[in-house]
Amino acid sequence: MTTKLKVLSKDEIYDIHAATLSVLEETGVRILDPKALHMLEEAKASVNSKTSIVRIPEHLLKEGIRKAPSSFTLFGRDKSYKLRFQRGRTYFSSQGASVFVLDFKTGMRRKATLKDLRSFYLLADALENVHHATLAVWPTDVPENVAHVHALLEGFRNTTKTLDGYHYGEKISMDSIEMARERCRSPRGVTRLAARTSQSF
């Protein structure tokens, strides 16, 4: 079944689009990764090396969009579970990366843990109207610099649906890709890889 969700009018969508173009071209965005800064500069974006602010003209943005695929497919751990992303399709996901939870036993707000994340993955996996299991909470009971490894491992273990990793910077993104590759080879292999990755930080 295909779900089509329409929240904004065409005029409202255009207003957001125009404002986005204005921010990118006139205000700019701060890019923290040196490699990304270099790539944008080579692509002829306006880069301020002192402030790391990049201004991206409309023609450059359109060129990037033109080169991107118009659709792609995500696959879950269960290979029969897949989501095709393209114009006109809408999927629902668990919300992402909260650092606090409301404890249903005590009624009190507290910091999220890896156990909470595991529970959210299991919940998303069980709900038929949730198509994608994202990183619902950010675990604060593991070291920050390896939390992404533990979080993705919980996803691999506790949902058969499509999921995503945490992609803040090249190193963390590559960890996620390598873990996904290893998970395709062997469930035990990804656990060993996660342990090695945690030790490398």
C-alpha atoms as a PDB file:
ATOM      1  CA  MET A   1       0.000   0.000   0.000  1.00  0.00           C
ATOM      2  CA  THR A   2       1.293   3.505  -0.867  1.00  0.00           C
ATOM      3  CA  THR A   3       0.534   6.374   1.498  1.00  0.00           C
ATOM      4  CA  LYS A   4       0.525   9.945   0.206  1.00  0.00           C
ATOM      5  CA  LEU A   5       0.641  12.672   2.827  1.00  0.00           C
ATOM      6  CA  LYS A   6       0.018  16.293   1.888  1.00  0.00           C
ATOM      7  CA  VAL A   7       0.454  18.845   4.687  1.00  0.00           C
ATOM      8  CA  LEU A   8       1.460  22.025   2.821  1.00  0.00           C
ATOM      9  CA  SER A   9      -0.046  23.798  -0.179  1.00  0.00           C
ATOM     10  CA  LYS A  10       1.986  24.405  -3.344  1.00  0.00           C
ATOM     11  CA  ASP A  11       2.393  28.076  -2.370  1.00  0.00           C
ATOM     12  CA  GLU A  12       3.657  27.158   1.084  1.00  0.00           C
ATOM     13  CA  ILE A  13       6.124  24.675  -0.388  1.00  0.00           C
ATOM     14  CA  TYR A  14       7.366  27.357  -2.790  1.00  0.00           C
ATOM     15  CA  ASP A  15       7.825  29.844   0.073  1.00  0.00           C
ATOM     16  CA  ILE A  16       9.937  27.338   2.008  1.00  0.00           C
ATOM     17  CA  HIS A  17      11.951  26.549  -1.124  1.00  0.00           C
ATOM     18  CA  ALA A  18      12.626  30.238  -1.840  1.00  0.00           C
ATOM     19  CA  ALA A  19      13.646  30.896   1.775  1.00  0.00           C
ATOM     20  CA  THR A  20      15.981  27.891   1.701  1.00  0.00           C
ATOM     21  CA  LEU A  21      17.687  29.138  -1.469  1.00  0.00           C
ATOM     22  CA  SER A  22      18.097  32.556   0.151  1.00  0.00           C
ATOM     23  CA  VAL A  23      19.685  31.133   3.303  1.00  0.00           C
ATOM     24  CA  LEU A  24      22.080  28.900   1.369  1.00  0.00           C
ATOM     25  CA  GLU A  25      23.166  31.623  -1.063  1.00  0.00           C
ATOM     26  CA  GLU A  26      23.105  34.755   1.089  1.00  0.00           C
ATOM     27  CA  THR A  27      23.499  33.732   4.745  1.00  0.00           C
ATOM     28  CA  GLY A  28      25.423  30.525   4.188  1.00  0.00           C
ATOM     29  CA  VAL A  29      25.957  27.506   6.411  1.00  0.00           C
ATOM     30  CA  ARG A  30      28.888  26.593   8.644  1.00  0.00           C
ATOM     31  CA  ILE A  31      30.585  23.365   7.529  1.00  0.00           C
ATOM     32  CA  LEU A  32      32.797  21.825  10.207  1.00  0.00           C
ATOM     33  CA  ASP A  33      34.454  19.091   8.166  1.00  0.00           C
ATOM     34  CA  PRO A  34      37.630  20.252   6.328  1.00  0.00           C
ATOM     35  CA  LYS A  35      37.227  17.646   3.585  1.00  0.00           C
ATOM     36  CA  ALA A  36      33.651  18.775   2.879  1.00  0.00           C
ATOM     37  CA  LEU A  37      34.807  22.410   2.816  1.00  0.00           C
ATOM     38  CA  HIS A  38      37.444  21.543   0.229  1.00  0.00           C
ATOM     39  CA  MET A  39      34.937  19.647  -1.918  1.00  0.00           C
ATOM     40  CA  LEU A  40      32.499  22.581  -1.844  1.00  0.00           C
ATOM     41  CA  GLU A  41      35.262  25.014  -2.743  1.00  0.00           C
ATOM     42  CA  GLU A  42      36.285  22.836  -5.695  1.00  0.00           C
ATOM     43  CA  ALA A  43      32.634  22.810  -6.800  1.00  0.00           C
ATOM     44  CA  LYS A  44      32.798  26.650  -6.905  1.00  0.00           C
ATOM     45  CA  ALA A  45      30.807  27.407  -3.762  1.00  0.00           C
ATOM     46  CA  SER A  46      31.885  30.535  -1.871  1.00  0.00           C
ATOM     47  CA  VAL A  47      33.966  29.338   1.090  1.00  0.00           C
ATOM     48  CA  ASN A  48      35.239  31.542   3.928  1.00  0.00           C
ATOM     49  CA  SER A  49      38.164  29.574   5.328  1.00  0.00           C
ATOM     50  CA  LYS A  50      38.301  31.659   8.518  1.00  0.00           C
ATOM     51  CA  THR A  51      34.671  31.188   9.534  1.00  0.00           C
ATOM     52  CA  SER A  52      33.983  27.922   7.650  1.00  0.00           C
ATOM     53  CA  ILE A  53      30.841  29.573   6.260  1.00  0.00           C
ATOM     54  CA  VAL A  54      29.856  28.291   2.817  1.00  0.00           C
ATOM     55  CA  ARG A  55      27.467  30.095   0.481  1.00  0.00           C
ATOM     56  CA  ILE A  56      25.957  27.863  -2.153  1.00  0.00           C
ATOM     57  CA  PRO A  57      24.461  29.504  -5.264  1.00  0.00           C
ATOM     58  CA  GLU A  58      21.203  28.211  -6.704  1.00  0.00           C
ATOM     59  CA  HIS A  59      22.767  26.866  -9.894  1.00  0.00           C
ATOM     60  CA  LEU A  60      25.210  24.737  -7.884  1.00  0.00           C
ATOM     61  CA  LEU A  61      22.410  23.369  -5.724  1.00  0.00           C
ATOM     62  CA  LYS A  62      20.349  22.467  -8.804  1.00  0.00           C
ATOM     63  CA  GLU A  63      23.342  20.725 -10.358  1.00  0.00           C
ATOM     64  CA  GLY A  64      23.775  18.614  -7.228  1.00  0.00           C
ATOM     65  CA  ILE A  65      20.084  17.696  -7.190  1.00  0.00           C
ATOM     66  CA  ARG A  66      20.230  16.797 -10.891  1.00  0.00           C
ATOM     67  CA  LYS A  67      23.107  14.373 -10.226  1.00  0.00           C
ATOM     68  CA  ALA A  68      21.372  12.682  -7.284  1.00  0.00           C
ATOM     69  CA  PRO A  69      19.219   9.617  -7.966  1.00  0.00           C
ATOM     70  CA  SER A  70      15.486  10.286  -8.172  1.00  0.00           C
ATOM     71  CA  SER A  71      14.761   7.233  -6.031  1.00  0.00           C
ATOM     72  CA  PHE A  72      16.487   4.649  -3.877  1.00  0.00           C
ATOM     73  CA  THR A  73      15.589   1.581  -1.817  1.00  0.00           C
ATOM     74  CA  LEU A  74      16.367   0.787   1.808  1.00  0.00           C
ATOM     75  CA  PHE A  75      16.446  -2.857   2.882  1.00  0.00           C
ATOM     76  CA  GLY A  76      15.831  -4.241   6.341  1.00  0.00           C
ATOM     77  CA  ARG A  77      17.561  -7.132   8.066  1.00  0.00           C
ATOM     78  CA  ASP A  78      14.697  -9.215   6.720  1.00  0.00           C
ATOM     79  CA  LYS A  79      15.486  -8.911   3.011  1.00  0.00           C
ATOM     80  CA  SER A  80      11.800  -9.000   2.097  1.00  0.00           C
ATOM     81  CA  TYR A  81      11.294  -5.780   4.051  1.00  0.00           C
ATOM     82  CA  LYS A  82      12.199  -2.808   1.869  1.00  0.00           C
ATOM     83  CA  LEU A  83      11.198   0.826   1.411  1.00  0.00           C
ATOM     84  CA  ARG A  84      11.307   2.546  -1.965  1.00  0.00           C
ATOM     85  CA  PHE A  85      11.952   6.274  -1.564  1.00  0.00           C
ATOM     86  CA  GLN A  86      10.664   8.397  -4.422  1.00  0.00           C
ATOM     87  CA  ARG A  87       8.322  11.288  -5.165  1.00  0.00           C
ATOM     88  CA  GLY A  88       4.795  10.689  -3.901  1.00  0.00           C
ATOM     89  CA  ARG A  89       5.630   8.008  -1.331  1.00  0.00           C
ATOM     90  CA  THR A  90       5.332   8.560   2.422  1.00  0.00           C
ATOM     91  CA  TYR A  91       6.623   6.324   5.203  1.00  0.00           C
ATOM     92  CA  PHE A  92       6.386   6.648   8.963  1.00  0.00           C
ATOM     93  CA  SER A  93       9.320   6.314  11.323  1.00  0.00           C
ATOM     94  CA  SER A  94       9.948   6.466  15.029  1.00  0.00           C
ATOM     95  CA  GLN A  95      11.156   9.947  16.039  1.00  0.00           C
ATOM     96  CA  GLY A  96      14.854  10.480  16.465  1.00  0.00           C
ATOM     97  CA  ALA A  97      17.709  11.066  18.943  1.00  0.00           C
ATOM     98  CA  SER A  98      15.958  12.341  22.083  1.00  0.00           C
ATOM     99  CA  VAL A  99      18.352  12.544  25.019  1.00  0.00           C
ATOM    100  CA  PHE A 100      15.575  12.233  27.617  1.00  0.00           C
ATOM    101  CA  VAL A 101      12.704   9.799  28.140  1.00  0.00           C
ATOM    102  CA  LEU A 102       9.603   9.876  30.311  1.00  0.00           C
ATOM    103  CA  ASP A 103       9.941   6.785  32.478  1.00  0.00           C
ATOM    104  CA  PHE A 104       6.571   5.002  32.283  1.00  0.00           C
ATOM    105  CA  LYS A 105       7.151   3.331  35.671  1.00  0.00           C
ATOM    106  CA  THR A 106       8.054   6.443  37.690  1.00  0.00           C
ATOM    107  CA  GLY A 107       6.482   9.152  35.510  1.00  0.00           C
ATOM    108  CA  MET A 108       9.747  11.107  35.792  1.00  0.00           C
ATOM    109  CA  ARG A 109      11.911  12.516  33.021  1.00  0.00           C
ATOM    110  CA  ARG A 110      15.398  11.023  32.925  1.00  0.00           C
ATOM    111  CA  LYS A 111      18.345  10.579  30.580  1.00  0.00           C
ATOM    112  CA  ALA A 112      17.936   7.950  27.876  1.00  0.00           C
ATOM    113  CA  THR A 113      19.897   4.700  28.105  1.00  0.00           C
ATOM    114  CA  LEU A 114      20.902   1.914  25.761  1.00  0.00           C
ATOM    115  CA  LYS A 115      18.142  -0.236  27.295  1.00  0.00           C
ATOM    116  CA  ASP A 116      15.599   2.457  26.341  1.00  0.00           C
ATOM    117  CA  LEU A 117      16.883   2.460  22.779  1.00  0.00           C
ATOM    118  CA  ARG A 118      16.562  -1.317  22.644  1.00  0.00           C
ATOM    119  CA  SER A 119      12.936  -1.056  23.799  1.00  0.00           C
ATOM    120  CA  PHE A 120      12.141   1.573  21.151  1.00  0.00           C
ATOM    121  CA  TYR A 121      13.634  -0.603  18.411  1.00  0.00           C
ATOM    122  CA  LEU A 122      11.506  -3.540  19.568  1.00  0.00           C
ATOM    123  CA  LEU A 123       8.422  -1.323  19.692  1.00  0.00           C
ATOM    124  CA  ALA A 124       9.010   0.061  16.183  1.00  0.00           C
ATOM    125  CA  ASP A 125       9.581  -3.466  14.923  1.00  0.00           C
ATOM    126  CA  ALA A 126       6.222  -4.604  16.331  1.00  0.00           C
ATOM    127  CA  LEU A 127       4.097  -1.677  15.090  1.00  0.00           C
ATOM    128  CA  GLU A 128       2.642  -2.256  11.619  1.00  0.00           C
ATOM    129  CA  ASN A 129       2.117   1.468  10.968  1.00  0.00           C
ATOM    130  CA  VAL A 130       5.793   2.282  11.639  1.00  0.00           C
ATOM    131  CA  HIS A 131       7.772   1.493   8.501  1.00  0.00           C
ATOM    132  CA  HIS A 132      11.268   2.556   9.541  1.00  0.00           C
ATOM    133  CA  ALA A 133      13.084   2.220  12.878  1.00  0.00           C
ATOM    134  CA  THR A 134      15.280   5.210  13.516  1.00  0.00           C
ATOM    135  CA  LEU A 135      17.505   6.078  16.471  1.00  0.00           C
ATOM    136  CA  ALA A 136      14.619   7.022  18.774  1.00  0.00           C
ATOM    137  CA  VAL A 137      16.801   8.035  21.735  1.00  0.00           C
ATOM    138  CA  TRP A 138      20.483   8.801  22.195  1.00  0.00           C
ATOM    139  CA  PRO A 139      22.016   6.499  24.861  1.00  0.00           C
ATOM    140  CA  THR A 140      23.796   8.506  27.566  1.00  0.00           C
ATOM    141  CA  ASP A 141      25.039   5.531  29.598  1.00  0.00           C
ATOM    142  CA  VAL A 142      27.817   4.650  27.133  1.00  0.00           C
ATOM    143  CA  PRO A 143      30.797   6.862  26.186  1.00  0.00           C
ATOM    144  CA  GLU A 144      29.711   9.634  23.788  1.00  0.00           C
ATOM    145  CA  ASN A 145      32.445   8.920  21.249  1.00  0.00           C
ATOM    146  CA  VAL A 146      31.262   5.323  20.736  1.00  0.00           C
ATOM    147  CA  ALA A 147      27.529   5.741  21.402  1.00  0.00           C
ATOM    148  CA  HIS A 148      26.836   5.542  17.656  1.00  0.00           C
ATOM    149  CA  VAL A 149      28.417   2.067  17.524  1.00  0.00           C
ATOM    150  CA  HIS A 150      26.355   0.728  20.428  1.00  0.00           C
ATOM    151  CA  ALA A 151      23.195   2.362  19.070  1.00  0.00           C
ATOM    152  CA  LEU A 152      23.519   0.848  15.596  1.00  0.00           C
ATOM    153  CA  LEU A 153      24.329  -2.570  17.041  1.00  0.00           C
ATOM    154  CA  GLU A 154      21.072  -2.432  19.043  1.00  0.00           C
ATOM    155  CA  GLY A 155      19.231  -1.670  15.805  1.00  0.00           C
ATOM    156  CA  PHE A 156      20.779  -4.643  14.033  1.00  0.00           C
ATOM    157  CA  ARG A 157      19.831  -6.906  16.929  1.00  0.00           C
ATOM    158  CA  ASN A 158      16.299  -5.702  17.638  1.00  0.00           C
ATOM    159  CA  THR A 159      14.511  -4.813  14.413  1.00  0.00           C
ATOM    160  CA  THR A 160      14.071  -6.474  11.045  1.00  0.00           C
ATOM    161  CA  LYS A 161      12.916  -3.163   9.542  1.00  0.00           C
ATOM    162  CA  THR A 162      15.017  -0.584   7.770  1.00  0.00           C
ATOM    163  CA  LEU A 163      17.073   1.594  10.080  1.00  0.00           C
ATOM    164  CA  ASP A 164      19.697   4.290   9.956  1.00  0.00           C
ATOM    165  CA  GLY A 165      22.948   5.052  11.699  1.00  0.00           C
ATOM    166  CA  TYR A 166      24.296   8.279  13.120  1.00  0.00           C
ATOM    167  CA  HIS A 167      26.236  10.314  10.547  1.00  0.00           C
ATOM    168  CA  TYR A 168      27.916  13.256  12.233  1.00  0.00           C
ATOM    169  CA  GLY A 169      31.211  13.408  10.379  1.00  0.00           C
ATOM    170  CA  GLU A 170      33.154  11.108   8.094  1.00  0.00           C
ATOM    171  CA  LYS A 171      34.605   8.743  10.728  1.00  0.00           C
ATOM    172  CA  ILE A 172      31.240   8.017  12.354  1.00  0.00           C
ATOM    173  CA  SER A 173      29.553   7.618   8.947  1.00  0.00           C
ATOM    174  CA  MET A 174      32.214   5.153   7.838  1.00  0.00           C
ATOM    175  CA  ASP A 175      31.787   3.190  11.087  1.00  0.00           C
ATOM    176  CA  SER A 176      28.076   2.855  10.292  1.00  0.00           C
ATOM    177  CA  ILE A 177      28.746   1.729   6.715  1.00  0.00           C
ATOM    178  CA  GLU A 178      31.350  -0.811   7.818  1.00  0.00           C
ATOM    179  CA  MET A 179      29.015  -2.195  10.494  1.00  0.00           C
ATOM    180  CA  ALA A 180      26.209  -2.573   7.936  1.00  0.00           C
ATOM    181  CA  ARG A 181      28.589  -4.344   5.542  1.00  0.00           C
ATOM    182  CA  GLU A 182      29.758  -6.696   8.284  1.00  0.00           C
ATOM    183  CA  ARG A 183      26.148  -7.363   9.395  1.00  0.00           C
ATOM    184  CA  CYS A 184      25.372  -8.584   5.871  1.00  0.00           C
ATOM    185  CA  ARG A 185      28.214 -11.061   6.180  1.00  0.00           C
ATOM    186  CA  SER A 186      27.627 -12.321   9.713  1.00  0.00           C
ATOM    187  CA  PRO A 187      25.567 -11.375  12.796  1.00  0.00           C
ATOM    188  CA  ARG A 188      28.497 -12.345  15.030  1.00  0.00           C
ATOM    189  CA  GLY A 189      30.917 -10.455  12.847  1.00  0.00           C
ATOM    190  CA  VAL A 190      29.171  -7.138  13.447  1.00  0.00           C
ATOM    191  CA  THR A 191      29.377  -7.667  17.216  1.00  0.00           C
ATOM    192  CA  ARG A 192      33.131  -8.261  16.959  1.00  0.00           C
ATOM    193  CA  LEU A 193      33.500  -5.220  14.686  1.00  0.00           C
ATOM    194  CA  ALA A 194      31.532  -3.051  17.136  1.00  0.00           C
ATOM    195  CA  ALA A 195      33.848  -4.129  19.945  1.00  0.00           C
ATOM    196  CA  ARG A 196      36.951  -3.327  17.865  1.00  0.00           C
ATOM    197  CA  THR A 197      35.536   0.036  16.789  1.00  0.00           C
ATOM    198  CA  SER A 198      34.754   0.979  20.393  1.00  0.00           C
ATOM    199  CA  GLN A 199      38.316   0.158  21.416  1.00  0.00           C
ATOM    200  CA  SER A 200      39.793   2.253  18.587  1.00  0.00           C
ATOM    201  CA  PHE A 201      38.402   5.534  19.969  1.00  0.00           C
END
